[in-house]
C-alpha atoms as a PDB file:
ATOM      1  CA  MET A   1       0.260   0.240   0.246  1.00  0.00           C
ATOM      2  CA  GLY A   2       1.330   3.669  -0.092  1.00  0.00           C
ATOM      3  CA  GLY A   3       0.970   6.607  -2.094  1.00  0.00           C
ATOM      4  CA  PRO A   4      -2.093   9.251  -2.156  1.00  0.00           C
ATOM      5  CA  GLY A   5      -5.834   8.206  -2.984  1.00  0.00           C
ATOM      6  CA  LEU A   6      -8.937   9.464  -3.979  1.00  0.00           C
ATOM      7  CA  ASN A   7     -12.487   8.169  -3.840  1.00  0.00           C
ATOM      8  CA  VAL A   8     -15.973   8.789  -4.175  1.00  0.00           C
ATOM      9  CA  GLU A   9     -17.979   7.220  -1.203  1.00  0.00           C
ATOM     10  CA  LEU A  10     -21.571   6.494   0.248  1.00  0.00           C
ATOM     11  CA  LYS A  11     -22.278   5.025   3.714  1.00  0.00           C
ATOM     12  CA  ALA A  12     -25.940   4.152   4.784  1.00  0.00           C
ATOM     13  CA  ARG A  13     -27.982   2.130   7.461  1.00  0.00           C
ATOM     14  CA  ASP A  14     -28.302  -0.857   6.055  1.00  0.00           C
ATOM     15  CA  PRO A  15     -32.233  -2.164   7.159  1.00  0.00           C
ATOM     16  CA  ASN A  16     -31.901  -5.185   4.970  1.00  0.00           C
ATOM     17  CA  PRO A  17     -28.573  -7.077   4.986  1.00  0.00           C
ATOM     18  CA  ARG A  18     -29.770 -10.193   3.415  1.00  0.00           C
ATOM     19  CA  ARG A  19     -31.734  -8.077   0.708  1.00  0.00           C
ATOM     20  CA  SER A  20     -28.350  -6.283  -0.286  1.00  0.00           C
ATOM     21  CA  LEU A  21     -26.373  -9.705  -0.116  1.00  0.00           C
ATOM     22  CA  SER A  22     -29.240 -10.710  -2.883  1.00  0.00           C
ATOM     23  CA  ARG A  23     -28.294  -7.748  -4.198  1.00  0.00           C
ATOM     24  CA  CYS A  24     -24.496  -7.708  -4.455  1.00  0.00           C
ATOM     25  CA  ARG A  25     -24.856 -11.372  -6.302  1.00  0.00           C
ATOM     26  CA  GLU A  26     -28.083 -10.037  -8.799  1.00  0.00           C
ATOM     27  CA  ILE A  27     -25.426  -7.418  -9.983  1.00  0.00           C
ATOM     28  CA  GLY A  28     -22.616  -9.899 -10.818  1.00  0.00           C
ATOM     29  CA  ALA A  29     -20.808  -8.474  -7.816  1.00  0.00           C
ATOM     30  CA  GLU A  30     -17.328 -10.891  -7.247  1.00  0.00           C
ATOM     31  CA  ASP A  31     -17.303 -11.574  -3.711  1.00  0.00           C
ATOM     32  CA  GLY A  32     -14.068 -11.113  -1.703  1.00  0.00           C
ATOM     33  CA  GLY A  33     -14.840 -12.807   1.016  1.00  0.00           C
ATOM     34  CA  VAL A  34     -15.386 -11.374   4.902  1.00  0.00           C
ATOM     35  CA  LEU A  35     -12.792  -9.227   6.738  1.00  0.00           C
ATOM     36  CA  ILE A  36     -12.864  -8.646  10.457  1.00  0.00           C
ATOM     37  CA  GLN A  37     -11.118  -5.232  10.842  1.00  0.00           C
ATOM     38  CA  HIS A  38     -10.383  -3.410  13.915  1.00  0.00           C
ATOM     39  CA  ASP A  39      -9.594   0.281  13.714  1.00  0.00           C
ATOM     40  CA  THR A  40      -8.078   2.848  16.476  1.00  0.00           C
ATOM     41  CA  TYR A  41      -9.163   6.311  15.592  1.00  0.00           C
ATOM     42  CA  PHE A  42      -6.264   9.277  16.996  1.00  0.00           C
ATOM     43  CA  ARG A  43      -7.002  12.350  17.821  1.00  0.00           C
ATOM     44  CA  ALA A  44      -5.490  13.941  14.920  1.00  0.00           C
ATOM     45  CA  VAL A  45      -5.595  18.210  14.034  1.00  0.00           C
ATOM     46  CA  ALA A  46      -5.175  17.841  10.071  1.00  0.00           C
ATOM     47  CA  ALA A  47      -6.949  15.006   9.272  1.00  0.00           C
ATOM     48  CA  ARG A  48      -9.128  12.169  10.350  1.00  0.00           C
ATOM     49  CA  LEU A  49      -6.288   9.276  11.456  1.00  0.00           C
ATOM     50  CA  LYS A  50      -6.891   5.696  12.235  1.00  0.00           C
ATOM     51  CA  LEU A  51      -4.794   2.299  12.528  1.00  0.00           C
ATOM     52  CA  ARG A  52      -6.531  -0.428  10.716  1.00  0.00           C
ATOM     53  CA  GLU A  53      -5.806  -4.258  11.667  1.00  0.00           C
ATOM     54  CA  GLN A  54      -7.100  -7.144   9.763  1.00  0.00           C
ATOM     55  CA  GLU A  55      -7.018 -10.789   9.932  1.00  0.00           C
ATOM     56  CA  GLY A  56      -4.867 -11.785   7.022  1.00  0.00           C
ATOM     57  CA  ILE A  57      -3.087  -8.703   5.681  1.00  0.00           C
ATOM     58  CA  ALA A  58      -0.231  -6.016   7.150  1.00  0.00           C
ATOM     59  CA  PRO A  59      -2.300  -3.277   9.708  1.00  0.00           C
ATOM     60  CA  HIS A  60      -2.025  -0.051   8.184  1.00  0.00           C
ATOM     61  CA  LEU A  61      -2.135   3.512   9.252  1.00  0.00           C
ATOM     62  CA  ILE A  62      -4.501   5.443   7.199  1.00  0.00           C
ATOM     63  CA  ALA A  63      -4.396   9.587   7.400  1.00  0.00           C
ATOM     64  CA  TYR A  64      -7.609  11.199   5.435  1.00  0.00           C
ATOM     65  CA  ASP A  65      -9.560  14.204   4.877  1.00  0.00           C
ATOM     66  CA  ARG A  66     -14.011  13.503   4.085  1.00  0.00           C
ATOM     67  CA  PRO A  67     -16.272  16.011   4.572  1.00  0.00           C
ATOM     68  CA  ASP A  68     -19.354  15.259   6.841  1.00  0.00           C
ATOM     69  CA  PHE A  69     -22.445  15.181   4.886  1.00  0.00           C
ATOM     70  CA  ARG A  70     -25.410  13.085   3.835  1.00  0.00           C
ATOM     71  CA  GLY A  71     -24.593  11.515  -0.005  1.00  0.00           C
ATOM     72  CA  ARG A  72     -21.564  10.796  -1.875  1.00  0.00           C
ATOM     73  CA  ARG A  73     -18.948  12.397  -0.902  1.00  0.00           C
ATOM     74  CA  GLN A  74     -15.454  12.443  -2.249  1.00  0.00           C
ATOM     75  CA  SER A  75     -12.478  11.593   0.230  1.00  0.00           C
ATOM     76  CA  ARG A  76      -8.555  11.965  -0.058  1.00  0.00           C
ATOM     77  CA  TYR A  77      -6.266   9.900   1.806  1.00  0.00           C
ATOM     78  CA  GLU A  78      -2.789   8.409   2.346  1.00  0.00           C
ATOM     79  CA  VAL A  79      -1.895   5.208   3.475  1.00  0.00           C
ATOM     80  CA  THR A  80       1.439   3.194   4.662  1.00  0.00           C
ATOM     81  CA  ASP A  81       1.939  -0.372   6.098  1.00  0.00           C
ATOM     82  CA  VAL A  82       2.673  -0.660   9.479  1.00  0.00           C
ATOM     83  CA  GLU A  83       5.099  -3.195  11.204  1.00  0.00           C
ATOM     84  CA  ARG A  84       4.892  -3.103  15.145  1.00  0.00           C
ATOM     85  CA  PRO A  85       0.903  -2.020  15.118  1.00  0.00           C
ATOM     86  CA  GLU A  86       1.377  -2.324  19.052  1.00  0.00           C
ATOM     87  CA  GLU A  87       4.356   0.234  19.432  1.00  0.00           C
ATOM     88  CA  LEU A  88       3.289   2.435  16.799  1.00  0.00           C
ATOM     89  CA  ARG A  89      -0.970   2.659  19.116  1.00  0.00           C
ATOM     90  CA  THR A  90       1.247   3.214  22.312  1.00  0.00           C
ATOM     91  CA  VAL A  91       3.019   6.039  20.814  1.00  0.00           C
ATOM     92  CA  LEU A  92       0.099   7.877  19.040  1.00  0.00           C
ATOM     93  CA  ALA A  93      -2.160   7.267  21.624  1.00  0.00           C
ATOM     94  CA  ALA A  94       0.744   8.903  24.223  1.00  0.00           C
ATOM     95  CA  ALA A  95       0.877  11.810  21.619  1.00  0.00           C
ATOM     96  CA  LEU A  96      -2.601  12.452  21.006  1.00  0.00           C
ATOM     97  CA  GLY A  97      -4.964  10.585  22.346  1.00  0.00           C
ATOM     98  CA  ILE A  98      -7.349   7.398  20.788  1.00  0.00           C
ATOM     99  CA  ARG A  99     -10.839   9.053  19.855  1.00  0.00           C
ATOM    100  CA  VAL A 100     -12.534   5.848  19.693  1.00  0.00           C
ATOM    101  CA  GLU A 101     -12.298   2.302  18.599  1.00  0.00           C
ATOM    102  CA  VAL A 102     -14.293   0.368  15.785  1.00  0.00           C
ATOM    103  CA  ALA A 103     -14.974  -3.194  15.275  1.00  0.00           C
ATOM    104  CA  LYS A 104     -16.490  -4.491  12.564  1.00  0.00           C
ATOM    105  CA  ARG A 105     -17.110  -7.532  10.213  1.00  0.00           C
ATOM    106  CA  ARG A 106     -17.482  -6.548   6.466  1.00  0.00           C
ATOM    107  CA  ARG A 107     -18.265  -8.485   3.320  1.00  0.00           C
ATOM    108  CA  LEU A 108     -16.632  -7.258   0.761  1.00  0.00           C
ATOM    109  CA  PHE A 109     -17.710  -7.262  -2.987  1.00  0.00           C
ATOM    110  CA  ARG A 110     -16.442  -5.836  -6.264  1.00  0.00           C
ATOM    111  CA  TRP A 111     -18.251  -4.173  -9.038  1.00  0.00           C
ATOM    112  CA  ASP A 112     -16.792  -2.437 -12.031  1.00  0.00           C
ATOM    113  CA  GLY A 113     -13.565  -0.963  -9.613  1.00  0.00           C
ATOM    114  CA  VAL A 114     -16.558  -0.071  -6.792  1.00  0.00           C
ATOM    115  CA  ARG A 115     -16.218  -1.975  -3.442  1.00  0.00           C
ATOM    116  CA  ILE A 116     -19.559  -2.785  -1.611  1.00  0.00           C
ATOM    117  CA  HIS A 117     -18.879  -3.142   2.044  1.00  0.00           C
ATOM    118  CA  LEU A 118     -21.408  -5.065   4.429  1.00  0.00           C
ATOM    119  CA  ASP A 119     -20.812  -3.686   7.111  1.00  0.00           C
ATOM    120  CA  ASN A 120     -21.868  -5.067  10.313  1.00  0.00           C
ATOM    121  CA  VAL A 121     -20.313  -2.740  13.420  1.00  0.00           C
ATOM    122  CA  ASP A 122     -20.242  -4.096  17.343  1.00  0.00           C
ATOM    123  CA  GLY A 123     -22.062  -1.253  18.679  1.00  0.00           C
ATOM    124  CA  LEU A 124     -24.424   0.170  15.698  1.00  0.00           C
ATOM    125  CA  GLY A 125     -25.770  -2.720  13.381  1.00  0.00           C
ATOM    126  CA  ALA A 126     -25.678  -3.084   9.320  1.00  0.00           C
ATOM    127  CA  PHE A 127     -24.463  -0.613   6.932  1.00  0.00           C
ATOM    128  CA  ILE A 128     -23.762  -0.500   3.441  1.00  0.00           C
ATOM    129  CA  GLU A 129     -21.178   1.407   2.079  1.00  0.00           C
ATOM    130  CA  PHE A 130     -19.765   1.854  -1.495  1.00  0.00           C
ATOM    131  CA  GLU A 131     -15.880   3.036  -2.286  1.00  0.00           C
ATOM    132  CA  ALA A 132     -15.016   3.818  -5.782  1.00  0.00           C
ATOM    133  CA  ILE A 133     -11.699   4.139  -6.306  1.00  0.00           C
ATOM    134  CA  VAL A 134     -10.490   7.609  -8.720  1.00  0.00           C
ATOM    135  CA  SER A 135      -7.231   7.136 -10.266  1.00  0.00           C
ATOM    136  CA  ALA A 136      -7.838  10.256 -12.366  1.00  0.00           C
ATOM    137  CA  PRO A 137      -9.575  13.743 -12.248  1.00  0.00           C
ATOM    138  CA  GLU A 138     -11.433  13.113 -14.978  1.00  0.00           C
ATOM    139  CA  GLU A 139     -13.017   9.783 -13.411  1.00  0.00           C
ATOM    140  CA  PHE A 140     -15.288  11.983 -10.719  1.00  0.00           C
ATOM    141  CA  SER A 141     -18.087  12.165 -12.789  1.00  0.00           C
ATOM    142  CA  TYR A 142     -18.160   8.674 -13.915  1.00  0.00           C
ATOM    143  CA  ARG A 143     -17.632   7.283 -10.363  1.00  0.00           C
ATOM    144  CA  HIS A 144     -19.982   9.908  -8.770  1.00  0.00           C
ATOM    145  CA  ARG A 145     -22.868   8.096 -11.610  1.00  0.00           C
ATOM    146  CA  GLN A 146     -21.664   4.393 -10.373  1.00  0.00           C
ATOM    147  CA  VAL A 147     -22.533   5.511  -6.892  1.00  0.00           C
ATOM    148  CA  ASP A 148     -25.780   6.661  -7.538  1.00  0.00           C
ATOM    149  CA  GLU A 149     -26.283   3.450  -9.794  1.00  0.00           C
ATOM    150  CA  LEU A 150     -25.942   1.564  -6.734  1.00  0.00           C
ATOM    151  CA  LYS A 151     -27.517   3.591  -4.527  1.00  0.00           C
ATOM    152  CA  LYS A 152     -30.639   3.042  -6.715  1.00  0.00           C
ATOM    153  CA  ALA A 153     -29.874  -0.763  -7.622  1.00  0.00           C
ATOM    154  CA  PHE A 154     -29.531  -1.007  -3.260  1.00  0.00           C
ATOM    155  CA  GLU A 155     -33.155   0.973  -2.876  1.00  0.00           C
ATOM    156  CA  ILE A 156     -30.861   3.412  -0.359  1.00  0.00           C
ATOM    157  CA  ARG A 157     -33.314   5.672   1.013  1.00  0.00           C
ATOM    158  CA  GLU A 158     -32.573   9.018   1.812  1.00  0.00           C
ATOM    159  CA  ALA A 159     -33.081   8.395   5.212  1.00  0.00           C
ATOM    160  CA  ASP A 160     -30.845   6.110   5.680  1.00  0.00           C
ATOM    161  CA  ILE A 161     -27.699   7.827   3.958  1.00  0.00           C
ATOM    162  CA  VAL A 162     -25.678   9.193   7.518  1.00  0.00           C
ATOM    163  CA  ALA A 163     -23.406  11.813   6.888  1.00  0.00           C
ATOM    164  CA  ILE A 164     -20.549  10.590   9.486  1.00  0.00           C
ATOM    165  CA  GLY A 165     -17.810   7.883  10.047  1.00  0.00           C
ATOM    166  CA  TYR A 166     -18.656   4.601  12.182  1.00  0.00           C
ATOM    167  CA  GLY A 167     -16.245   6.191  14.975  1.00  0.00           C
ATOM    168  CA  GLU A 168     -18.291   9.611  15.266  1.00  0.00           C
ATOM    169  CA  LEU A 169     -21.720   7.194  15.333  1.00  0.00           C
ATOM    170  CA  LEU A 170     -19.913   5.321  17.921  1.00  0.00           C
ATOM    171  CA  LEU A 171     -19.053   8.517  19.931  1.00  0.00           C
ATOM    172  CA  ALA A 172     -22.751   9.655  19.510  1.00  0.00           C
ATOM    173  CA  ALA A 173     -23.626   6.834  20.431  1.00  0.00           C
ATOM    174  CA  ASN A 174     -21.817   6.416  23.523  1.00  0.00           C
ATOM    175  CA  ASN A 175     -21.174   9.985  24.758  1.00  0.00           C
ATOM    176  CA  PRO A 176     -23.742  12.502  22.936  1.00  0.00           C
ATOM    177  CA  GLY A 177     -22.117  15.091  24.384  1.00  0.00           C
ATOM    178  CA  GLU A 178     -18.963  14.363  22.312  1.00  0.00           C
ATOM    179  CA  VAL A 179     -20.212  14.481  18.897  1.00  0.00           C
ATOM    180  CA  ASN A 180     -22.811  17.180  18.178  1.00  0.00           C
ATOM    181  CA  GLY A 181     -23.732  16.812  14.704  1.00  0.00           C
ATOM    182  CA  PRO A 182     -21.418  16.559  11.379  1.00  0.00           C
ATOM    183  CA  VAL A 183     -18.132  16.609  13.008  1.00  0.00           C
ATOM    184  CA  ARG A 184     -15.639  19.491  11.431  1.00  0.00           C
ATOM    185  CA  SER A 185     -15.438  18.712   7.788  1.00  0.00           C
ATOM    186  CA  ASN A 186     -11.374  18.509   7.460  1.00  0.00           C
ATOM    187  CA  ALA A 187     -11.259  15.985  10.748  1.00  0.00           C
END
């Protein structure tokens, strides 16, 4: 991994995970299997920062910037593999503090360059997320159309779309005073 990246994404609560799984198969999405992920979010200032640990692959540190609003959003990110995650977590926790930790079971599908995530997040429940990687700026409009097409195919209602990430949702659910509506757009 490594290097800067761009994507277009949409995240929503999934009221019917069985239907979503069925829909992935109906549209011919490639099944990428189940991923068990643990994300530790740190109190970063300039961007969001998380350490992702996942069974079967090297842990990695992800810094990203994404606005908080309902609908499809563009995200910029940097990813680097980590050799000693426990030590890195200890150092970052001492320097920045841990904001929240998120554990999830993710069923991954791939469809025409878009990652479809069927997520079950500890403490939050079922979600669906579309993540379209953008390789060049001229792809943005195409990737936006793909996400819109998937939103329609999966019958995602506006009321189910979430404006913030899992970390912020957990904070809001467990500590209502910690998050007041959308979190700052650059962190």
